[in-house]
């Protein structure tokens, strides 16, 4: 932008900060439009248990028919988030995100005496920490 506005300070007054990483199961509940990886079906999440499916128009890369097929459960298989707009010819796919949530990792656990506790984030901690097998809670 400096080439359009030379000599102007284009720094934000309040920096944006770091992007917040999405939690693995949240990405589907915070979005409404989805497309299958092959692009044949477009889905709209109406509610937790009701989805609308739209079929791609023949000989079109981004247009889908207005006709709705209602599903009472989440569509099977992989889905990508989609951005759409509607026009007089159909529903048009504008963009999609191939982000896929990673399955939540199980917290590694360690045995400390008779207790099982979450492993500390710094692995080297356990190299210097030990306990007798008969630890009791007081």
Foldseek 3Di string as FASTA:
>chain_A
DCVVVPPDDPDDPDDPDDDDDDAQVVPVVVAAWKAAPVRQWIWGDPDQQKIWIWGADPPDDFFTAPDTDIGRHDDDDDIWGFDWDADPVHIGTDDTDPDHRDPDDDFDWDDAQPDIDGQDPDNCVVVPDHHHNPDDDD
